[in-house]
Amino acid sequence: MRGELSYIIIGSKCFCPAYSPDTIDMYRVYFNRYIAGDPFLDMDINVVDVPTARAFVARIGIKRTKDGRELAGTRAFEITVNFVRMAFAEYWEDHQGWANPFDRIKPPKRMAGRHRDVLQEDEILRLFMPGAITDPLERAVAVAMFWAGLRRSEIFALKTADLDWRTPKLNINHAWKRFGSKDKREIGDPKWHKRREAPFPEELQSAIKALQEAHGIHKFVFCWKDGSIPHGKWVLDEESRDRRRRAKDSPALRPAQPCFLP
C-alpha cells in the first residue's frame, strides 16, 4: 500500500462527501495555502517519527496568513494541523500496529480570539419591540433566528410547503450549501444530513404572514417580491446602505473626508 503523505492526506475522509461542501472547500484552501509544496508530503508515512512531525508543525506555524500575521496561534493553524492529524489517525485505523507520531504531540491551541458580545435577553426583547425592525423580511428572518433557532442556511432554504400551520411546526428538510457564494451555492440536506422538526411559535407565524402580505407567497418563504432570496452577505450590505442613508440624512453622522465607507 502506498505510504506517500500527499496521497494519504488528499485521499483522506476530510475530502469525502460526509462533510459539507463548505467544510471540504475550507480544507482544500488550507491545504493549498499552507501544506502544498512542503517536503513533508514527499515522505513515506511509515518513516515519519515524532521529531519530523514536530518540525512540520513548526514550519506551518511560521507561515503567514492572508493579512500578514504569523499562522501559529490562529484558527487557521489549528484547523491545518488538525487536518493532518485526522489523516494520520485515519491511516492508523487500517494499520493499528503502526505508531502514530502525532499521538505524542499535543493538538494545537489557538490564542484568545476576538471577543464577541452576546445579546442579553432584555436586548433581544427590545429588538422585537414595535418599530424596532420595520422591514418585513428583516423582521421575519430575525424572528426565525431567535424564536425558532434556525440557522441562516435553513432559514433561506425553508419552503412554503415546509410550513405546517395546523400542528404548528416547521419541517426542516433543506439547507443551503456554500450560501455565502453567489456562484457555488446549492440547496441540499440540513446539517449532518438530518431532517428535523422545529418550533413554529406565534411570533414567527405572525412575521411570516406579514412577509407574505408584503412580498407575496413564493416557493421559498424568506424571499423578495420576485421570489428570489437574499445572498450570503445581505445583512452586511444592508448595514452599509443604512449607514450611508443615515449619514446623508444627518450632517452630524456624516464621516469626515476622506470617506472609506463601503
C-alpha atoms as a PDB file:
ATOM      1  CA  MET A   1       0.000   0.000   0.000  1.00  0.00           C
ATOM      2  CA  ARG A   2       1.241   3.459  -0.838  1.00  0.00           C
ATOM      3  CA  GLY A   3       2.578   5.434   2.098  1.00  0.00           C
ATOM      4  CA  GLU A   4       3.250   8.809   0.492  1.00  0.00           C
ATOM      5  CA  LEU A   5       1.751  11.522   2.635  1.00  0.00           C
ATOM      6  CA  SER A   6       0.455  13.545  -0.306  1.00  0.00           C
ATOM      7  CA  TYR A   7      -1.618  10.538  -1.409  1.00  0.00           C
ATOM      8  CA  ILE A   8      -2.860   9.765   2.104  1.00  0.00           C
ATOM      9  CA  ILE A   9      -3.806  13.316   3.058  1.00  0.00           C
ATOM     10  CA  ILE A  10      -5.566  14.201  -0.190  1.00  0.00           C
ATOM     11  CA  GLY A  11      -7.387  10.862  -0.130  1.00  0.00           C
ATOM     12  CA  SER A  12      -8.479  11.181   3.491  1.00  0.00           C
ATOM     13  CA  LYS A  13     -12.042  11.392   4.770  1.00  0.00           C
ATOM     14  CA  CYS A  14     -11.595  15.151   5.111  1.00  0.00           C
ATOM     15  CA  PHE A  15     -12.398  15.380   1.403  1.00  0.00           C
ATOM     16  CA  CYS A  16     -15.258  12.868   1.403  1.00  0.00           C
ATOM     17  CA  PRO A  17     -18.958  13.678   0.842  1.00  0.00           C
ATOM     18  CA  ALA A  18     -19.731  13.120   4.541  1.00  0.00           C
ATOM     19  CA  TYR A  19     -18.535  16.683   5.087  1.00  0.00           C
ATOM     20  CA  SER A  20     -20.431  19.694   3.810  1.00  0.00           C
ATOM     21  CA  PRO A  21     -19.168  21.387   0.625  1.00  0.00           C
ATOM     22  CA  ASP A  22     -18.172  24.407   2.737  1.00  0.00           C
ATOM     23  CA  THR A  23     -16.009  22.242   5.007  1.00  0.00           C
ATOM     24  CA  ILE A  24     -14.386  20.459   2.071  1.00  0.00           C
ATOM     25  CA  ASP A  25     -13.666  23.811   0.416  1.00  0.00           C
ATOM     26  CA  MET A  26     -12.103  25.068   3.657  1.00  0.00           C
ATOM     27  CA  TYR A  27      -9.790  22.052   3.947  1.00  0.00           C
ATOM     28  CA  ARG A  28      -8.836  22.370   0.282  1.00  0.00           C
ATOM     29  CA  VAL A  29      -7.984  26.065   0.675  1.00  0.00           C
ATOM     30  CA  TYR A  30      -5.848  25.461   3.780  1.00  0.00           C
ATOM     31  CA  PHE A  31      -4.110  22.507   2.137  1.00  0.00           C
ATOM     32  CA  ASN A  32      -3.186  24.525  -0.943  1.00  0.00           C
ATOM     33  CA  ARG A  33      -2.212  27.606   1.048  1.00  0.00           C
ATOM     34  CA  TYR A  34      -0.181  26.120   3.914  1.00  0.00           C
ATOM     35  CA  ILE A  35       0.641  22.454   3.223  1.00  0.00           C
ATOM     36  CA  ALA A  36       1.136  22.006  -0.527  1.00  0.00           C
ATOM     37  CA  GLY A  37       4.810  22.060  -1.502  1.00  0.00           C
ATOM     38  CA  ASP A  38       6.109  21.164   1.950  1.00  0.00           C
ATOM     39  CA  PRO A  39       8.748  18.382   1.834  1.00  0.00           C
ATOM     40  CA  PHE A  40       6.727  16.552   4.473  1.00  0.00           C
ATOM     41  CA  LEU A  41       4.353  15.453   1.697  1.00  0.00           C
ATOM     42  CA  ASP A  42       7.130  13.612  -0.154  1.00  0.00           C
ATOM     43  CA  MET A  43       7.799  11.310   2.809  1.00  0.00           C
ATOM     44  CA  ASP A  44       6.520   7.809   3.438  1.00  0.00           C
ATOM     45  CA  ILE A  45       4.156   7.902   6.403  1.00  0.00           C
ATOM     46  CA  ASN A  46       5.751   4.759   7.839  1.00  0.00           C
ATOM     47  CA  VAL A  47       9.088   6.509   8.418  1.00  0.00           C
ATOM     48  CA  VAL A  48       7.715   9.740   9.924  1.00  0.00           C
ATOM     49  CA  ASP A  49       8.833   9.984  13.548  1.00  0.00           C
ATOM     50  CA  VAL A  50       7.926  12.470  16.293  1.00  0.00           C
ATOM     51  CA  PRO A  51      10.787  14.957  15.604  1.00  0.00           C
ATOM     52  CA  THR A  52       9.866  15.021  11.900  1.00  0.00           C
ATOM     53  CA  ALA A  53       6.213  15.647  12.707  1.00  0.00           C
ATOM     54  CA  ARG A  54       7.173  18.410  15.167  1.00  0.00           C
ATOM     55  CA  ALA A  55       9.368  20.056  12.539  1.00  0.00           C
ATOM     56  CA  PHE A  56       6.474  20.007  10.082  1.00  0.00           C
ATOM     57  CA  VAL A  57       4.153  21.671  12.616  1.00  0.00           C
ATOM     58  CA  ALA A  58       6.815  24.297  13.317  1.00  0.00           C
ATOM     59  CA  ARG A  59       7.180  25.098   9.607  1.00  0.00           C
ATOM     60  CA  ILE A  60       3.431  25.507   9.289  1.00  0.00           C
ATOM     61  CA  GLY A  61       3.400  27.778  12.339  1.00  0.00           C
ATOM     62  CA  ILE A  62       5.832  30.336  10.900  1.00  0.00           C
ATOM     63  CA  LYS A  63       3.874  30.772   7.677  1.00  0.00           C
ATOM     64  CA  ARG A  64       1.789  33.897   7.222  1.00  0.00           C
ATOM     65  CA  THR A  65      -1.947  34.357   6.984  1.00  0.00           C
ATOM     66  CA  LYS A  66      -3.533  36.385   4.193  1.00  0.00           C
ATOM     67  CA  ASP A  67      -3.384  39.503   6.368  1.00  0.00           C
ATOM     68  CA  GLY A  68       0.297  39.003   7.244  1.00  0.00           C
ATOM     69  CA  ARG A  69       0.021  37.509  10.732  1.00  0.00           C
ATOM     70  CA  GLU A  70       2.097  34.540  11.849  1.00  0.00           C
ATOM     71  CA  LEU A  71      -0.031  31.438  11.439  1.00  0.00           C
ATOM     72  CA  ALA A  72       0.793  29.881  14.838  1.00  0.00           C
ATOM     73  CA  GLY A  73      -1.956  30.513  17.376  1.00  0.00           C
ATOM     74  CA  THR A  74      -4.622  31.267  14.783  1.00  0.00           C
ATOM     75  CA  ARG A  75      -7.744  29.300  13.961  1.00  0.00           C
ATOM     76  CA  ALA A  76      -6.259  28.564  10.528  1.00  0.00           C
ATOM     77  CA  PHE A  77      -3.205  26.984  12.195  1.00  0.00           C
ATOM     78  CA  GLU A  78      -5.411  24.850  14.436  1.00  0.00           C
ATOM     79  CA  ILE A  79      -7.512  23.642  11.503  1.00  0.00           C
ATOM     80  CA  THR A  80      -4.499  22.990   9.242  1.00  0.00           C
ATOM     81  CA  VAL A  81      -2.584  20.905  11.778  1.00  0.00           C
ATOM     82  CA  ASN A  82      -5.671  19.028  12.940  1.00  0.00           C
ATOM     83  CA  PHE A  83      -6.479  18.284   9.313  1.00  0.00           C
ATOM     84  CA  VAL A  84      -3.145  16.455   9.010  1.00  0.00           C
ATOM     85  CA  ARG A  85      -3.671  14.778  12.403  1.00  0.00           C
ATOM     86  CA  MET A  86      -7.012  13.412  11.167  1.00  0.00           C
ATOM     87  CA  ALA A  87      -5.352  11.932   8.091  1.00  0.00           C
ATOM     88  CA  PHE A  88      -2.748  10.213  10.309  1.00  0.00           C
ATOM     89  CA  ALA A  89      -5.456   8.917  12.667  1.00  0.00           C
ATOM     90  CA  GLU A  90      -7.384   7.563   9.697  1.00  0.00           C
ATOM     91  CA  TYR A  91      -4.268   5.732   8.458  1.00  0.00           C
ATOM     92  CA  TRP A  92      -3.813   4.231  11.918  1.00  0.00           C
ATOM     93  CA  GLU A  93      -7.323   2.721  11.799  1.00  0.00           C
ATOM     94  CA  ASP A  94      -6.172   0.447   8.977  1.00  0.00           C
ATOM     95  CA  HIS A  95      -2.635  -0.089  10.328  1.00  0.00           C
ATOM     96  CA  GLN A  96      -3.045  -0.459  14.085  1.00  0.00           C
ATOM     97  CA  GLY A  97       0.415  -1.916  14.567  1.00  0.00           C
ATOM     98  CA  TRP A  98       1.846   1.361  13.310  1.00  0.00           C
ATOM     99  CA  ALA A  99       2.912   4.083  15.776  1.00  0.00           C
ATOM    100  CA  ASN A 100       1.219   7.398  15.010  1.00  0.00           C
ATOM    101  CA  PRO A 101       3.792  10.158  15.755  1.00  0.00           C
ATOM    102  CA  PHE A 102       1.040  12.723  16.347  1.00  0.00           C
ATOM    103  CA  ASP A 103      -0.189  10.714  19.347  1.00  0.00           C
ATOM    104  CA  ARG A 104       2.841  12.107  21.206  1.00  0.00           C
ATOM    105  CA  ILE A 105       2.288  15.700  20.052  1.00  0.00           C
ATOM    106  CA  LYS A 106      -0.319  17.854  21.740  1.00  0.00           C
ATOM    107  CA  PRO A 107      -3.001  19.295  19.449  1.00  0.00           C
ATOM    108  CA  PRO A 108      -2.543  22.999  18.731  1.00  0.00           C
ATOM    109  CA  LYS A 109      -4.455  25.582  20.700  1.00  0.00           C
ATOM    110  CA  ARG A 110      -5.404  28.938  19.332  1.00  0.00           C
ATOM    111  CA  MET A 111      -4.661  32.127  21.224  1.00  0.00           C
ATOM    112  CA  ALA A 112      -7.512  34.040  22.813  1.00  0.00           C
ATOM    113  CA  GLY A 113      -9.666  35.117  19.929  1.00  0.00           C
ATOM    114  CA  ARG A 114     -11.723  38.202  19.337  1.00  0.00           C
ATOM    115  CA  HIS A 115     -14.357  38.740  21.995  1.00  0.00           C
ATOM    116  CA  ARG A 116     -17.888  38.588  20.701  1.00  0.00           C
ATOM    117  CA  ASP A 117     -20.655  40.327  22.532  1.00  0.00           C
ATOM    118  CA  VAL A 118     -23.732  38.179  23.040  1.00  0.00           C
ATOM    119  CA  LEU A 119     -27.161  39.768  23.078  1.00  0.00           C
ATOM    120  CA  GLN A 120     -28.746  39.601  26.507  1.00  0.00           C
ATOM    121  CA  GLU A 121     -32.383  38.611  26.995  1.00  0.00           C
ATOM    122  CA  ASP A 122     -33.584  42.183  27.521  1.00  0.00           C
ATOM    123  CA  GLU A 123     -31.721  43.284  24.367  1.00  0.00           C
ATOM    124  CA  ILE A 124     -33.384  40.563  22.329  1.00  0.00           C
ATOM    125  CA  LEU A 125     -36.798  41.589  23.633  1.00  0.00           C
ATOM    126  CA  ARG A 126     -36.120  45.225  22.668  1.00  0.00           C
ATOM    127  CA  LEU A 127     -35.130  44.018  19.201  1.00  0.00           C
ATOM    128  CA  PHE A 128     -38.697  42.853  18.657  1.00  0.00           C
ATOM    129  CA  MET A 129     -40.453  45.862  20.103  1.00  0.00           C
ATOM    130  CA  PRO A 130     -42.864  47.619  17.696  1.00  0.00           C
ATOM    131  CA  GLY A 131     -40.931  49.789  15.268  1.00  0.00           C
ATOM    132  CA  ALA A 132     -37.501  48.304  16.049  1.00  0.00           C
ATOM    133  CA  ILE A 133     -37.363  46.323  12.793  1.00  0.00           C
ATOM    134  CA  THR A 134     -39.783  47.648  10.188  1.00  0.00           C
ATOM    135  CA  ASP A 135     -38.752  45.729   7.058  1.00  0.00           C
ATOM    136  CA  PRO A 136     -40.952  42.588   6.876  1.00  0.00           C
ATOM    137  CA  LEU A 137     -38.171  40.341   5.526  1.00  0.00           C
ATOM    138  CA  GLU A 138     -35.616  41.500   8.085  1.00  0.00           C
ATOM    139  CA  ARG A 139     -38.101  41.056  10.906  1.00  0.00           C
ATOM    140  CA  ALA A 140     -39.158  37.582   9.764  1.00  0.00           C
ATOM    141  CA  VAL A 141     -35.520  36.458   9.485  1.00  0.00           C
ATOM    142  CA  ALA A 142     -34.718  37.809  12.965  1.00  0.00           C
ATOM    143  CA  VAL A 143     -37.754  36.064  14.461  1.00  0.00           C
ATOM    144  CA  ALA A 144     -36.802  32.771  12.773  1.00  0.00           C
ATOM    145  CA  MET A 145     -33.316  33.005  14.271  1.00  0.00           C
ATOM    146  CA  PHE A 146     -34.218  33.985  17.812  1.00  0.00           C
ATOM    147  CA  TRP A 147     -37.642  32.373  18.300  1.00  0.00           C
ATOM    148  CA  ALA A 148     -37.277  29.183  16.250  1.00  0.00           C
ATOM    149  CA  GLY A 149     -33.493  28.678  16.474  1.00  0.00           C
ATOM    150  CA  LEU A 150     -32.961  28.220  12.748  1.00  0.00           C
ATOM    151  CA  ARG A 151     -29.586  28.514  11.065  1.00  0.00           C
ATOM    152  CA  ARG A 152     -29.131  31.051   8.282  1.00  0.00           C
ATOM    153  CA  SER A 153     -28.777  28.301   5.666  1.00  0.00           C
ATOM    154  CA  GLU A 154     -32.019  26.721   6.921  1.00  0.00           C
ATOM    155  CA  ILE A 155     -33.978  29.972   7.008  1.00  0.00           C
ATOM    156  CA  PHE A 156     -33.445  30.830   3.370  1.00  0.00           C
ATOM    157  CA  ALA A 157     -33.978  27.203   2.290  1.00  0.00           C
ATOM    158  CA  LEU A 158     -37.342  26.978   4.065  1.00  0.00           C
ATOM    159  CA  LYS A 159     -40.092  26.410   1.526  1.00  0.00           C
ATOM    160  CA  THR A 160     -43.745  27.355   1.816  1.00  0.00           C
ATOM    161  CA  ALA A 161     -44.564  23.635   1.661  1.00  0.00           C
ATOM    162  CA  ASP A 162     -42.448  23.118   4.821  1.00  0.00           C
ATOM    163  CA  LEU A 163     -44.814  25.245   6.935  1.00  0.00           C
ATOM    164  CA  ASP A 164     -47.209  23.159   8.999  1.00  0.00           C
ATOM    165  CA  TRP A 165     -49.757  25.704  10.211  1.00  0.00           C
ATOM    166  CA  ARG A 166     -52.078  23.095  11.726  1.00  0.00           C
ATOM    167  CA  THR A 167     -49.711  21.440  14.236  1.00  0.00           C
ATOM    168  CA  PRO A 168     -47.936  24.010  14.145  1.00  0.00           C
ATOM    169  CA  LYS A 169     -44.321  23.137  13.283  1.00  0.00           C
ATOM    170  CA  LEU A 170     -41.567  23.739  10.736  1.00  0.00           C
ATOM    171  CA  ASN A 171     -40.254  20.838   8.686  1.00  0.00           C
ATOM    172  CA  ILE A 172     -36.545  21.459   8.158  1.00  0.00           C
ATOM    173  CA  ASN A 173     -35.884  19.446   5.014  1.00  0.00           C
ATOM    174  CA  HIS A 174     -33.276  21.570   3.250  1.00  0.00           C
ATOM    175  CA  ALA A 175     -30.331  23.895   3.832  1.00  0.00           C
ATOM    176  CA  TRP A 176     -28.130  25.914   1.508  1.00  0.00           C
ATOM    177  CA  LYS A 177     -24.556  24.771   0.948  1.00  0.00           C
ATOM    178  CA  ARG A 178     -21.944  27.442   0.253  1.00  0.00           C
ATOM    179  CA  PHE A 179     -24.630  30.028   0.957  1.00  0.00           C
ATOM    180  CA  GLY A 180     -22.033  32.825   1.003  1.00  0.00           C
ATOM    181  CA  SER A 181     -21.091  32.159  -2.630  1.00  0.00           C
ATOM    182  CA  LYS A 182     -23.289  33.553  -5.385  1.00  0.00           C
ATOM    183  CA  ASP A 183     -21.876  31.135  -7.951  1.00  0.00           C
ATOM    184  CA  LYS A 184     -21.429  27.902  -5.981  1.00  0.00           C
ATOM    185  CA  ARG A 185     -24.331  27.809  -3.555  1.00  0.00           C
ATOM    186  CA  GLU A 186     -26.674  24.874  -3.867  1.00  0.00           C
ATOM    187  CA  ILE A 187     -29.565  23.516  -1.861  1.00  0.00           C
ATOM    188  CA  GLY A 188     -29.202  20.179  -0.090  1.00  0.00           C
ATOM    189  CA  ASP A 189     -29.889  18.354   3.158  1.00  0.00           C
ATOM    190  CA  PRO A 190     -29.734  20.109   6.550  1.00  0.00           C
ATOM    191  CA  LYS A 191     -26.588  19.955   8.660  1.00  0.00           C
ATOM    192  CA  TRP A 192     -25.415  16.413   9.481  1.00  0.00           C
ATOM    193  CA  HIS A 193     -27.855  15.258   6.721  1.00  0.00           C
ATOM    194  CA  LYS A 194     -30.625  15.074   9.324  1.00  0.00           C
ATOM    195  CA  ARG A 195     -34.084  16.380   8.641  1.00  0.00           C
ATOM    196  CA  ARG A 196     -35.895  17.590  11.713  1.00  0.00           C
ATOM    197  CA  GLU A 197     -38.882  19.473  13.042  1.00  0.00           C
ATOM    198  CA  ALA A 198     -38.557  22.933  14.592  1.00  0.00           C
ATOM    199  CA  PRO A 199     -40.992  25.030  16.624  1.00  0.00           C
ATOM    200  CA  PHE A 200     -43.346  27.360  14.797  1.00  0.00           C
ATOM    201  CA  PRO A 201     -44.246  29.908  17.506  1.00  0.00           C
ATOM    202  CA  GLU A 202     -46.946  32.527  17.161  1.00  0.00           C
ATOM    203  CA  GLU A 203     -44.327  35.279  16.793  1.00  0.00           C
ATOM    204  CA  LEU A 204     -42.909  33.589  13.714  1.00  0.00           C
ATOM    205  CA  GLN A 205     -46.349  32.802  12.308  1.00  0.00           C
ATOM    206  CA  SER A 206     -47.264  36.497  12.529  1.00  0.00           C
ATOM    207  CA  ALA A 207     -43.944  37.572  10.984  1.00  0.00           C
ATOM    208  CA  ILE A 208     -44.332  35.175   8.054  1.00  0.00           C
ATOM    209  CA  LYS A 209     -47.926  36.255   7.427  1.00  0.00           C
ATOM    210  CA  ALA A 210     -46.782  39.903   7.354  1.00  0.00           C
ATOM    211  CA  LEU A 211     -43.949  38.978   4.983  1.00  0.00           C
ATOM    212  CA  GLN A 212     -46.297  37.109   2.647  1.00  0.00           C
ATOM    213  CA  GLU A 213     -48.720  40.040   2.632  1.00  0.00           C
ATOM    214  CA  ALA A 214     -45.864  42.368   1.647  1.00  0.00           C
ATOM    215  CA  HIS A 215     -43.929  40.127  -0.763  1.00  0.00           C
ATOM    216  CA  GLY A 216     -46.469  37.522  -1.820  1.00  0.00           C
ATOM    217  CA  ILE A 217     -46.352  33.731  -1.491  1.00  0.00           C
ATOM    218  CA  HIS A 218     -43.495  32.052  -3.344  1.00  0.00           C
ATOM    219  CA  LYS A 219     -41.579  28.765  -3.382  1.00  0.00           C
ATOM    220  CA  PHE A 220     -39.248  29.970  -0.619  1.00  0.00           C
ATOM    221  CA  VAL A 221     -40.670  31.648   2.482  1.00  0.00           C
ATOM    222  CA  PHE A 222     -37.966  34.246   3.128  1.00  0.00           C
ATOM    223  CA  CYS A 223     -37.631  35.967  -0.208  1.00  0.00           C
ATOM    224  CA  TRP A 224     -38.054  39.213  -2.109  1.00  0.00           C
ATOM    225  CA  LYS A 225     -41.195  40.217  -4.004  1.00  0.00           C
ATOM    226  CA  ASP A 226     -39.923  38.495  -7.146  1.00  0.00           C
ATOM    227  CA  GLY A 227     -39.363  35.223  -5.273  1.00  0.00           C
ATOM    228  CA  SER A 228     -35.564  35.458  -5.212  1.00  0.00           C
ATOM    229  CA  ILE A 229     -33.705  35.019  -1.944  1.00  0.00           C
ATOM    230  CA  PRO A 230     -31.009  37.283  -0.448  1.00  0.00           C
ATOM    231  CA  HIS A 231     -27.362  36.424  -0.956  1.00  0.00           C
ATOM    232  CA  GLY A 232     -24.949  35.437   1.811  1.00  0.00           C
ATOM    233  CA  LYS A 233     -23.746  38.967   2.601  1.00  0.00           C
ATOM    234  CA  TRP A 234     -27.171  40.545   2.517  1.00  0.00           C
ATOM    235  CA  VAL A 235     -27.068  41.684   6.161  1.00  0.00           C
ATOM    236  CA  LEU A 236     -23.677  43.365   5.768  1.00  0.00           C
ATOM    237  CA  ASP A 237     -24.802  45.101   2.594  1.00  0.00           C
ATOM    238  CA  GLU A 238     -27.967  46.323   4.301  1.00  0.00           C
ATOM    239  CA  GLU A 239     -25.915  47.642   7.223  1.00  0.00           C
ATOM    240  CA  SER A 240     -23.619  49.542   4.851  1.00  0.00           C
ATOM    241  CA  ARG A 241     -26.559  51.050   2.986  1.00  0.00           C
ATOM    242  CA  ASP A 242     -28.204  52.012   6.266  1.00  0.00           C
ATOM    243  CA  ARG A 243     -25.053  53.816   7.419  1.00  0.00           C
ATOM    244  CA  ARG A 244     -24.878  55.735   4.170  1.00  0.00           C
ATOM    245  CA  ARG A 245     -28.546  56.704   4.394  1.00  0.00           C
ATOM    246  CA  ARG A 246     -28.153  57.944   7.960  1.00  0.00           C
ATOM    247  CA  ALA A 247     -25.021  59.889   7.064  1.00  0.00           C
ATOM    248  CA  LYS A 248     -26.817  61.510   4.143  1.00  0.00           C
ATOM    249  CA  ASP A 249     -29.848  62.486   6.236  1.00  0.00           C
ATOM    250  CA  SER A 250     -27.871  63.825   9.198  1.00  0.00           C
ATOM    251  CA  PRO A 251     -24.762  66.020   8.755  1.00  0.00           C
ATOM    252  CA  ALA A 252     -23.733  65.140  12.316  1.00  0.00           C
ATOM    253  CA  LEU A 253     -23.421  61.495  11.295  1.00  0.00           C
ATOM    254  CA  ARG A 254     -21.597  62.278   8.070  1.00  0.00           C
ATOM    255  CA  PRO A 255     -17.998  60.973   8.257  1.00  0.00           C
ATOM    256  CA  ALA A 256     -15.086  63.286   7.758  1.00  0.00           C
ATOM    257  CA  GLN A 257     -13.289  63.213   4.405  1.00  0.00           C
ATOM    258  CA  PRO A 258     -11.810  61.075   3.036  1.00  0.00           C
ATOM    259  CA  CYS A 259     -14.675  58.583   3.361  1.00  0.00           C
ATOM    260  CA  PHE A 260     -13.843  54.884   3.444  1.00  0.00           C
ATOM    261  CA  LEU A 261     -17.355  53.583   3.872  1.00  0.00           C
ATOM    262  CA  PRO A 262     -18.090  50.695   1.506  1.00  0.00           C
END
